[in-house]
């Protein structure tokens, strides 16, 4: 149980550090469009999967590519804020929950339209 609390605390720290760095310290204009929505950290604290989203969904692949170029910078920022022996490897992934939600909305709308007929 204590391990889950510790991992959750580290996930929140990684989320905060990366989003603050994106807002205030990153000079890459394309990468600034991104926001980390949530972080999943492995039990051994070796890998942090950071799920991202951006305002312009058509450019998300380009944003992801630019973020992957900055992983070393983010890792150094995280190392300054975490008290672990090793800093986790950062892996950025596209957050697909918004796409799933939009798909569910479309399905519900189509069901409602069929019900009204």
N, C-alpha and C. Protein backbone atom coordinates (compact mmCIF):
# COMPACT_ATOMS: atom_id res chain seq x y z
N UNK A 1 0.83 -1.20 0.00
CA UNK A 1 0.00 0.00 0.00
C UNK A 1 0.87 1.26 0.00
N UNK A 2 1.89 1.28 0.84
CA UNK A 2 2.76 2.44 0.90
C UNK A 2 3.48 2.69 -0.41
N UNK A 3 3.76 1.60 -1.14
CA UNK A 3 4.43 1.73 -2.42
C UNK A 3 3.55 2.45 -3.43
N UNK A 4 2.24 2.16 -3.43
CA UNK A 4 1.32 2.82 -4.36
C UNK A 4 1.22 4.31 -4.07
N UNK A 5 1.25 4.67 -2.81
CA UNK A 5 1.19 6.09 -2.45
C UNK A 5 2.46 6.79 -2.92
N UNK A 6 3.58 6.13 -2.75
CA UNK A 6 4.86 6.72 -3.17
C UNK A 6 4.89 6.89 -4.69
N UNK A 7 4.44 5.89 -5.42
CA UNK A 7 4.41 5.98 -6.88
C UNK A 7 3.48 7.10 -7.32
N UNK A 8 2.32 7.21 -6.69
CA UNK A 8 1.37 8.28 -7.03
C UNK A 8 1.98 9.66 -6.77
N UNK A 9 2.72 9.79 -5.71
CA UNK A 9 3.38 11.06 -5.40
C UNK A 9 4.43 11.40 -6.46
N UNK A 10 5.21 10.40 -6.88
CA UNK A 10 6.20 10.62 -7.92
C UNK A 10 5.54 10.96 -9.26
N UNK A 11 4.44 10.31 -9.57
CA UNK A 11 3.71 10.61 -10.81
C UNK A 11 3.23 12.05 -10.81
N UNK A 12 2.70 12.51 -9.69
CA UNK A 12 2.23 13.90 -9.59
C UNK A 12 3.39 14.88 -9.72
N UNK A 13 4.54 14.52 -9.16
CA UNK A 13 5.71 15.39 -9.27
C UNK A 13 6.18 15.49 -10.72
N UNK A 14 6.23 14.36 -11.41
CA UNK A 14 6.65 14.35 -12.82
C UNK A 14 5.70 15.18 -13.67
N UNK A 15 4.40 15.00 -13.45
CA UNK A 15 3.38 15.76 -14.19
C UNK A 15 3.58 17.26 -13.98
N UNK A 16 3.74 17.67 -12.72
CA UNK A 16 3.91 19.09 -12.41
C UNK A 16 5.19 19.66 -13.01
N UNK A 17 6.30 18.93 -12.88
CA UNK A 17 7.59 19.43 -13.36
C UNK A 17 7.58 19.59 -14.88
N UNK A 18 7.05 18.61 -15.60
CA UNK A 18 7.05 18.70 -17.06
C UNK A 18 6.13 19.81 -17.53
N UNK A 19 4.94 19.93 -16.95
CA UNK A 19 4.03 21.00 -17.37
C UNK A 19 4.58 22.39 -17.05
N UNK A 20 5.24 22.53 -15.90
CA UNK A 20 5.86 23.82 -15.58
C UNK A 20 7.00 24.14 -16.55
N UNK A 21 7.80 23.13 -16.88
CA UNK A 21 8.89 23.35 -17.83
C UNK A 21 8.35 23.72 -19.21
N UNK A 22 7.27 23.07 -19.63
CA UNK A 22 6.67 23.41 -20.92
C UNK A 22 6.15 24.84 -20.92
N UNK A 23 5.61 25.28 -19.81
CA UNK A 23 5.04 26.62 -19.73
C UNK A 23 6.10 27.71 -19.66
N UNK A 24 7.18 27.46 -18.91
CA UNK A 24 8.09 28.55 -18.60
C UNK A 24 9.50 28.42 -19.16
N UNK A 25 9.98 27.22 -19.45
CA UNK A 25 11.39 27.07 -19.76
C UNK A 25 11.69 26.56 -21.16
N UNK A 26 10.78 25.89 -21.80
CA UNK A 26 11.02 25.32 -23.13
C UNK A 26 10.90 26.42 -24.17
N UNK A 27 11.89 26.47 -25.07
CA UNK A 27 11.87 27.47 -26.14
C UNK A 27 11.31 26.94 -27.45
N UNK A 28 11.10 25.64 -27.54
CA UNK A 28 10.57 25.01 -28.73
C UNK A 28 9.09 25.38 -28.87
N UNK A 29 8.76 26.16 -29.90
CA UNK A 29 7.39 26.67 -30.05
C UNK A 29 6.38 25.56 -30.32
N UNK A 30 6.80 24.52 -31.01
CA UNK A 30 5.88 23.42 -31.30
C UNK A 30 5.62 22.60 -30.03
N UNK A 31 6.65 22.34 -29.25
CA UNK A 31 6.49 21.55 -28.03
C UNK A 31 5.66 22.29 -26.99
N UNK A 32 5.63 23.60 -27.04
CA UNK A 32 4.84 24.38 -26.07
C UNK A 32 3.34 24.14 -26.21
N UNK A 33 2.90 23.60 -27.34
CA UNK A 33 1.48 23.30 -27.53
C UNK A 33 1.01 22.13 -26.66
N UNK A 34 1.94 21.33 -26.17
CA UNK A 34 1.60 20.10 -25.45
C UNK A 34 1.33 20.36 -23.97
N UNK A 35 0.52 19.48 -23.40
CA UNK A 35 0.29 19.42 -21.97
C UNK A 35 0.24 17.94 -21.59
N UNK A 36 0.88 17.62 -20.50
CA UNK A 36 0.84 16.25 -20.00
C UNK A 36 -0.46 16.09 -19.23
N UNK A 37 -1.27 15.11 -19.61
CA UNK A 37 -2.55 14.90 -18.94
C UNK A 37 -2.42 13.96 -17.75
N UNK A 38 -1.63 12.91 -17.90
CA UNK A 38 -1.35 12.05 -16.76
C UNK A 38 -0.08 11.25 -17.00
N UNK A 39 0.46 10.69 -15.92
CA UNK A 39 1.72 9.96 -15.95
C UNK A 39 1.50 8.60 -15.31
N UNK A 40 2.05 7.56 -15.95
CA UNK A 40 2.05 6.22 -15.37
C UNK A 40 3.50 5.82 -15.13
N UNK A 41 3.84 5.55 -13.90
CA UNK A 41 5.19 5.18 -13.52
C UNK A 41 5.23 3.69 -13.22
N UNK A 42 6.25 3.00 -13.73
CA UNK A 42 6.36 1.57 -13.44
C UNK A 42 6.69 1.36 -11.97
N UNK A 43 6.44 0.15 -11.47
CA UNK A 43 6.66 -0.14 -10.05
C UNK A 43 8.11 0.02 -9.64
N UNK A 44 9.04 -0.24 -10.55
CA UNK A 44 10.46 -0.09 -10.20
C UNK A 44 10.99 1.31 -10.48
N UNK A 45 10.10 2.25 -10.81
CA UNK A 45 10.41 3.66 -11.05
C UNK A 45 11.41 3.87 -12.19
N UNK A 46 11.46 2.94 -13.14
CA UNK A 46 12.44 3.07 -14.21
C UNK A 46 11.88 3.76 -15.45
N UNK A 47 10.58 3.67 -15.68
CA UNK A 47 9.97 4.25 -16.89
C UNK A 47 8.75 5.07 -16.48
N UNK A 48 8.67 6.27 -17.03
CA UNK A 48 7.51 7.13 -16.82
C UNK A 48 6.84 7.35 -18.18
N UNK A 49 5.66 6.78 -18.35
CA UNK A 49 4.87 7.00 -19.56
C UNK A 49 4.05 8.27 -19.35
N UNK A 50 4.37 9.30 -20.13
CA UNK A 50 3.69 10.59 -20.01
C UNK A 50 2.73 10.75 -21.18
N UNK A 51 1.46 10.85 -20.88
CA UNK A 51 0.44 10.97 -21.92
C UNK A 51 0.17 12.45 -22.18
N UNK A 52 0.25 12.82 -23.45
CA UNK A 52 0.14 14.24 -23.81
C UNK A 52 -1.10 14.51 -24.64
N UNK A 53 -1.49 15.76 -24.62
CA UNK A 53 -2.57 16.26 -25.46
C UNK A 53 -2.18 17.66 -25.89
N UNK A 54 -2.74 18.11 -27.00
CA UNK A 54 -2.48 19.48 -27.45
C UNK A 54 -3.76 20.06 -28.04
N UNK A 55 -3.76 21.37 -28.17
CA UNK A 55 -4.96 22.05 -28.65
C UNK A 55 -5.29 21.68 -30.09
N UNK A 56 -4.29 21.61 -30.93
CA UNK A 56 -4.49 21.30 -32.34
C UNK A 56 -4.21 19.82 -32.56
N UNK A 57 -5.27 19.00 -32.61
CA UNK A 57 -5.12 17.55 -32.69
C UNK A 57 -4.47 17.10 -34.00
N UNK A 58 -4.52 17.91 -35.05
CA UNK A 58 -3.89 17.52 -36.32
C UNK A 58 -2.37 17.55 -36.23
N UNK A 59 -1.84 18.36 -35.34
CA UNK A 59 -0.39 18.51 -35.22
C UNK A 59 0.20 17.68 -34.07
N UNK A 60 -0.56 16.78 -33.52
CA UNK A 60 -0.09 16.07 -32.32
C UNK A 60 1.12 15.18 -32.61
N UNK A 61 1.22 14.63 -33.82
CA UNK A 61 2.40 13.82 -34.15
C UNK A 61 3.66 14.68 -34.20
N UNK A 62 3.54 15.88 -34.74
CA UNK A 62 4.67 16.81 -34.79
C UNK A 62 5.07 17.25 -33.37
N UNK A 63 4.07 17.50 -32.53
CA UNK A 63 4.34 17.88 -31.15
C UNK A 63 5.03 16.74 -30.41
N UNK A 64 4.57 15.51 -30.63
CA UNK A 64 5.17 14.35 -29.99
C UNK A 64 6.62 14.18 -30.41
N UNK A 65 6.90 14.39 -31.67
CA UNK A 65 8.27 14.30 -32.18
C UNK A 65 9.18 15.34 -31.51
N UNK A 66 8.69 16.54 -31.37
CA UNK A 66 9.48 17.60 -30.73
C UNK A 66 9.67 17.34 -29.23
N UNK A 67 8.67 16.79 -28.58
CA UNK A 67 8.81 16.47 -27.16
C UNK A 67 9.85 15.37 -26.95
N UNK A 68 9.88 14.40 -27.85
CA UNK A 68 10.85 13.33 -27.72
C UNK A 68 12.28 13.83 -27.86
N UNK A 69 12.47 14.93 -28.55
CA UNK A 69 13.80 15.53 -28.65
C UNK A 69 14.22 16.19 -27.33
N UNK A 70 13.26 16.54 -26.50
CA UNK A 70 13.53 17.25 -25.24
C UNK A 70 13.53 16.34 -24.02
N UNK A 71 13.54 15.03 -24.20
CA UNK A 71 13.44 14.13 -23.04
C UNK A 71 14.61 14.29 -22.08
N UNK A 72 15.80 14.55 -22.58
CA UNK A 72 16.95 14.76 -21.70
C UNK A 72 16.77 15.97 -20.80
N UNK A 73 16.24 17.04 -21.37
CA UNK A 73 15.97 18.26 -20.59
C UNK A 73 14.95 17.97 -19.48
N UNK A 74 13.86 17.28 -19.85
CA UNK A 74 12.83 16.96 -18.86
C UNK A 74 13.37 16.03 -17.78
N UNK A 75 14.21 15.09 -18.17
CA UNK A 75 14.79 14.15 -17.20
C UNK A 75 15.66 14.88 -16.18
N UNK A 76 16.41 15.87 -16.65
CA UNK A 76 17.25 16.62 -15.71
C UNK A 76 16.39 17.46 -14.76
N UNK A 77 15.31 18.02 -15.26
CA UNK A 77 14.39 18.78 -14.40
C UNK A 77 13.74 17.87 -13.35
N UNK A 78 13.36 16.67 -13.77
CA UNK A 78 12.75 15.72 -12.84
C UNK A 78 13.76 15.29 -11.79
N UNK A 79 15.00 15.07 -12.20
CA UNK A 79 16.05 14.65 -11.26
C UNK A 79 16.27 15.70 -10.17
N UNK A 80 16.10 16.96 -10.50
CA UNK A 80 16.26 18.02 -9.52
C UNK A 80 15.12 18.03 -8.49
N UNK A 81 13.97 17.46 -8.86
CA UNK A 81 12.80 17.52 -7.99
C UNK A 81 12.43 16.20 -7.32
N UNK A 82 13.11 15.12 -7.66
CA UNK A 82 12.81 13.82 -7.07
C UNK A 82 13.99 13.33 -6.24
N UNK A 83 13.70 12.62 -5.19
CA UNK A 83 14.74 12.11 -4.32
C UNK A 83 14.96 10.61 -4.51
N UNK A 84 15.11 10.18 -5.75
CA UNK A 84 15.34 8.78 -6.06
C UNK A 84 16.76 8.57 -6.52
N UNK A 85 17.20 7.32 -6.47
CA UNK A 85 18.55 6.98 -6.90
C UNK A 85 18.69 7.16 -8.41
N UNK A 86 17.69 6.72 -9.14
CA UNK A 86 17.69 6.84 -10.60
C UNK A 86 16.50 7.68 -11.05
N UNK A 87 16.71 8.42 -12.10
CA UNK A 87 15.62 9.19 -12.70
C UNK A 87 14.96 8.33 -13.77
N UNK A 88 13.65 8.26 -13.80
CA UNK A 88 12.99 7.39 -14.79
C UNK A 88 13.20 7.88 -16.22
N UNK A 89 13.17 6.94 -17.14
CA UNK A 89 13.21 7.25 -18.57
C UNK A 89 11.84 7.79 -18.95
N UNK A 90 11.83 8.89 -19.67
CA UNK A 90 10.57 9.54 -20.06
C UNK A 90 10.15 9.01 -21.44
N UNK A 91 8.92 8.54 -21.53
CA UNK A 91 8.35 8.12 -22.81
C UNK A 91 7.04 8.87 -23.00
N UNK A 92 6.99 9.68 -24.05
CA UNK A 92 5.78 10.43 -24.34
C UNK A 92 4.87 9.61 -25.24
N UNK A 93 3.59 9.64 -24.91
CA UNK A 93 2.58 8.93 -25.69
C UNK A 93 1.37 9.84 -25.86
N UNK A 94 0.63 9.60 -26.92
CA UNK A 94 -0.56 10.41 -27.19
C UNK A 94 -1.70 9.93 -26.30
N UNK A 95 -2.36 10.86 -25.64
CA UNK A 95 -3.51 10.55 -24.80
C UNK A 95 -4.74 10.41 -25.70
N UNK A 96 -5.30 9.22 -25.75
CA UNK A 96 -6.42 8.96 -26.65
C UNK A 96 -7.77 9.01 -25.95
N UNK A 97 -7.81 9.43 -24.69
CA UNK A 97 -9.09 9.45 -23.99
C UNK A 97 -10.07 10.44 -24.59
N UNK A 98 -9.57 11.56 -25.12
CA UNK A 98 -10.46 12.54 -25.75
C UNK A 98 -11.07 11.95 -27.03
N UNK A 99 -10.27 11.22 -27.79
CA UNK A 99 -10.80 10.56 -28.99
C UNK A 99 -11.87 9.54 -28.63
N UNK A 100 -11.63 8.77 -27.56
CA UNK A 100 -12.63 7.79 -27.12
C UNK A 100 -13.91 8.49 -26.68
N UNK A 101 -13.79 9.59 -25.96
CA UNK A 101 -14.97 10.33 -25.49
C UNK A 101 -15.76 10.89 -26.66
N UNK A 102 -15.07 11.42 -27.67
CA UNK A 102 -15.76 11.95 -28.83
C UNK A 102 -16.49 10.83 -29.60
N UNK A 103 -15.86 9.67 -29.67
CA UNK A 103 -16.48 8.54 -30.35
C UNK A 103 -17.73 8.08 -29.60
N UNK A 104 -17.67 8.05 -28.28
CA UNK A 104 -18.84 7.67 -27.48
C UNK A 104 -19.96 8.69 -27.65
N UNK A 105 -19.61 9.97 -27.71
CA UNK A 105 -20.63 11.02 -27.94
C UNK A 105 -21.33 10.82 -29.28
N UNK A 106 -20.56 10.49 -30.31
CA UNK A 106 -21.15 10.26 -31.63
C UNK A 106 -22.09 9.06 -31.60
N UNK A 107 -21.70 8.01 -30.90
CA UNK A 107 -22.55 6.83 -30.82
C UNK A 107 -23.84 7.15 -30.08
N UNK A 108 -23.75 7.89 -28.99
CA UNK A 108 -24.94 8.27 -28.22
C UNK A 108 -25.86 9.16 -29.05
N UNK A 109 -25.28 10.11 -29.80
CA UNK A 109 -26.10 10.97 -30.66
C UNK A 109 -26.82 10.16 -31.73
N UNK A 110 -26.13 9.20 -32.32
CA UNK A 110 -26.78 8.39 -33.36
C UNK A 110 -27.89 7.53 -32.77
N UNK A 111 -27.70 7.03 -31.56
CA UNK A 111 -28.76 6.25 -30.90
C UNK A 111 -29.96 7.15 -30.58
N UNK A 112 -29.70 8.37 -30.11
CA UNK A 112 -30.79 9.30 -29.81
C UNK A 112 -31.56 9.68 -31.07
N UNK A 113 -30.87 9.87 -32.19
CA UNK A 113 -31.53 10.22 -33.45
C UNK A 113 -32.40 9.07 -33.92
N UNK A 114 -31.91 7.83 -33.78
CA UNK A 114 -32.70 6.68 -34.19
C UNK A 114 -33.91 6.49 -33.28
N UNK A 115 -33.76 6.81 -31.99
CA UNK A 115 -34.86 6.67 -31.03
C UNK A 115 -35.97 7.67 -31.29
N UNK A 116 -35.64 8.85 -31.83
CA UNK A 116 -36.64 9.89 -32.08
C UNK A 116 -37.44 9.62 -33.35
N UNK A 117 -36.93 8.77 -34.21
CA UNK A 117 -37.63 8.50 -35.49
C UNK A 117 -38.80 7.61 -35.33
